[in-house]
Amino acid sequence: MLRTVAMGVLIVSGVLLILTVFRKKLGWAWLSVFGTHLILAALGIYIVNFSGVLTDLHIPLNPTTIGAVTLLGLPGVLMLLGLKLTLF
């Protein structure tokens, strides 16, 4: 039952997102901006991992961490560093 509700919410939100993108005439320009943010997020995490500043600290490159850094920018990298230091 819960899985069906979750799938319904996912489908409805996806359709509404697509409608919003095409009704507002955003076009495809937002995709290049998002792609740039995505690449810079992965690059920021990569620099932190291999810079050697904190040798025992490693942030994995996965969709969750890259998504957080994509949305938050440089403070997202600092947030992940803080979480890694305090939780693990």
C-alpha atoms as a PDB file:
ATOM      1  CA  MET A   1       0.000   0.000   0.000  1.00  0.00           C
ATOM      2  CA  LEU A   2       2.745   2.448   1.002  1.00  0.00           C
ATOM      3  CA  ARG A   3       4.749   1.581  -2.094  1.00  0.00           C
ATOM      4  CA  THR A   4       1.768   2.344  -4.327  1.00  0.00           C
ATOM      5  CA  VAL A   5       1.229   5.715  -2.666  1.00  0.00           C
ATOM      6  CA  ALA A   6       4.918   6.582  -3.012  1.00  0.00           C
ATOM      7  CA  MET A   7       4.898   5.611  -6.689  1.00  0.00           C
ATOM      8  CA  GLY A   8       1.771   7.723  -7.269  1.00  0.00           C
ATOM      9  CA  VAL A   9       3.362  10.747  -5.617  1.00  0.00           C
ATOM     10  CA  LEU A  10       6.501  10.266  -7.730  1.00  0.00           C
ATOM     11  CA  ILE A  11       4.515  10.079 -10.966  1.00  0.00           C
ATOM     12  CA  VAL A  12       2.324  13.088 -10.155  1.00  0.00           C
ATOM     13  CA  SER A  13       5.298  15.223  -9.092  1.00  0.00           C
ATOM     14  CA  GLY A  14       7.224  14.248 -12.220  1.00  0.00           C
ATOM     15  CA  VAL A  15       4.332  15.209 -14.478  1.00  0.00           C
ATOM     16  CA  LEU A  16       3.873  18.519 -12.648  1.00  0.00           C
ATOM     17  CA  LEU A  17       7.591  19.261 -12.960  1.00  0.00           C
ATOM     18  CA  ILE A  18       7.513  18.627 -16.697  1.00  0.00           C
ATOM     19  CA  LEU A  19       4.422  20.827 -17.064  1.00  0.00           C
ATOM     20  CA  THR A  20       6.084  23.621 -15.094  1.00  0.00           C
ATOM     21  CA  VAL A  21       9.240  23.515 -17.204  1.00  0.00           C
ATOM     22  CA  PHE A  22       7.395  23.714 -20.501  1.00  0.00           C
ATOM     23  CA  ARG A  23       4.654  26.156 -19.423  1.00  0.00           C
ATOM     24  CA  LYS A  24       7.121  28.741 -18.143  1.00  0.00           C
ATOM     25  CA  LYS A  25       9.078  28.644 -21.416  1.00  0.00           C
ATOM     26  CA  LEU A  26      12.299  27.836 -19.602  1.00  0.00           C
ATOM     27  CA  GLY A  27      13.537  25.903 -22.572  1.00  0.00           C
ATOM     28  CA  TRP A  28      16.755  23.987 -22.271  1.00  0.00           C
ATOM     29  CA  ALA A  29      18.963  26.746 -20.830  1.00  0.00           C
ATOM     30  CA  TRP A  30      18.358  25.514 -17.284  1.00  0.00           C
ATOM     31  CA  LEU A  31      19.833  22.154 -18.275  1.00  0.00           C
ATOM     32  CA  SER A  32      23.218  23.681 -19.122  1.00  0.00           C
ATOM     33  CA  VAL A  33      23.236  25.620 -15.836  1.00  0.00           C
ATOM     34  CA  PHE A  34      22.348  22.465 -13.909  1.00  0.00           C
ATOM     35  CA  GLY A  35      25.028  20.506 -15.766  1.00  0.00           C
ATOM     36  CA  THR A  36      27.622  23.128 -14.916  1.00  0.00           C
ATOM     37  CA  HIS A  37      26.645  23.032 -11.239  1.00  0.00           C
ATOM     38  CA  LEU A  38      26.782  19.233 -11.311  1.00  0.00           C
ATOM     39  CA  ILE A  39      30.286  19.189 -12.785  1.00  0.00           C
ATOM     40  CA  LEU A  40      31.538  21.833 -10.346  1.00  0.00           C
ATOM     41  CA  ALA A  41      30.055  19.886  -7.426  1.00  0.00           C
ATOM     42  CA  ALA A  42      31.848  16.695  -8.449  1.00  0.00           C
ATOM     43  CA  LEU A  43      35.054  18.667  -8.972  1.00  0.00           C
ATOM     44  CA  GLY A  44      34.759  20.263  -5.511  1.00  0.00           C
ATOM     45  CA  ILE A  45      34.343  16.891  -3.810  1.00  0.00           C
ATOM     46  CA  TYR A  46      37.181  15.461  -5.880  1.00  0.00           C
ATOM     47  CA  ILE A  47      39.502  18.309  -4.827  1.00  0.00           C
ATOM     48  CA  VAL A  48      38.642  17.768  -1.159  1.00  0.00           C
ATOM     49  CA  ASN A  49      39.285  14.039  -1.454  1.00  0.00           C
ATOM     50  CA  PHE A  50      42.630  14.280  -3.193  1.00  0.00           C
ATOM     51  CA  SER A  51      44.060  17.570  -1.957  1.00  0.00           C
ATOM     52  CA  GLY A  52      45.770  16.005   1.039  1.00  0.00           C
ATOM     53  CA  VAL A  53      44.641  18.745   3.430  1.00  0.00           C
ATOM     54  CA  LEU A  54      42.820  16.250   5.633  1.00  0.00           C
ATOM     55  CA  THR A  55      44.383  12.866   4.952  1.00  0.00           C
ATOM     56  CA  ASP A  56      41.907  10.729   6.907  1.00  0.00           C
ATOM     57  CA  LEU A  57      38.843  12.378   5.376  1.00  0.00           C
ATOM     58  CA  HIS A  58      37.100  11.015   2.300  1.00  0.00           C
ATOM     59  CA  ILE A  59      33.721  12.100   0.917  1.00  0.00           C
ATOM     60  CA  PRO A  60      32.277   9.485  -1.446  1.00  0.00           C
ATOM     61  CA  LEU A  61      31.192  10.551  -4.916  1.00  0.00           C
ATOM     62  CA  ASN A  62      27.599   9.363  -5.064  1.00  0.00           C
ATOM     63  CA  PRO A  63      24.324  10.952  -6.174  1.00  0.00           C
ATOM     64  CA  THR A  64      23.448  12.061  -2.636  1.00  0.00           C
ATOM     65  CA  THR A  65      26.669  13.935  -1.942  1.00  0.00           C
ATOM     66  CA  ILE A  66      26.859  15.437  -5.423  1.00  0.00           C
ATOM     67  CA  GLY A  67      23.205  16.490  -5.172  1.00  0.00           C
ATOM     68  CA  ALA A  68      23.801  18.219  -1.846  1.00  0.00           C
ATOM     69  CA  VAL A  69      26.802  20.099  -3.205  1.00  0.00           C
ATOM     70  CA  THR A  70      24.944  20.935  -6.436  1.00  0.00           C
ATOM     71  CA  LEU A  71      22.127  22.553  -4.484  1.00  0.00           C
ATOM     72  CA  LEU A  72      24.212  24.199  -1.762  1.00  0.00           C
ATOM     73  CA  GLY A  73      27.450  25.021  -3.581  1.00  0.00           C
ATOM     74  CA  LEU A  74      30.636  25.453  -1.536  1.00  0.00           C
ATOM     75  CA  PRO A  75      28.723  25.457   1.774  1.00  0.00           C
ATOM     76  CA  GLY A  76      27.505  22.003   0.765  1.00  0.00           C
ATOM     77  CA  VAL A  77      31.092  20.738   0.679  1.00  0.00           C
ATOM     78  CA  LEU A  78      31.695  22.266   4.093  1.00  0.00           C
ATOM     79  CA  MET A  79      28.468  20.686   5.378  1.00  0.00           C
ATOM     80  CA  LEU A  80      29.590  17.253   4.187  1.00  0.00           C
ATOM     81  CA  LEU A  81      32.998  17.764   5.781  1.00  0.00           C
ATOM     82  CA  GLY A  82      31.358  18.747   9.063  1.00  0.00           C
ATOM     83  CA  LEU A  83      29.023  15.759   8.960  1.00  0.00           C
ATOM     84  CA  LYS A  84      31.894  13.414   8.203  1.00  0.00           C
ATOM     85  CA  LEU A  85      33.974  14.796  11.086  1.00  0.00           C
ATOM     86  CA  THR A  86      31.158  14.707  13.649  1.00  0.00           C
ATOM     87  CA  LEU A  87      29.348  11.502  12.709  1.00  0.00           C
ATOM     88  CA  PHE A  88      32.116   9.185  11.609  1.00  0.00           C
END
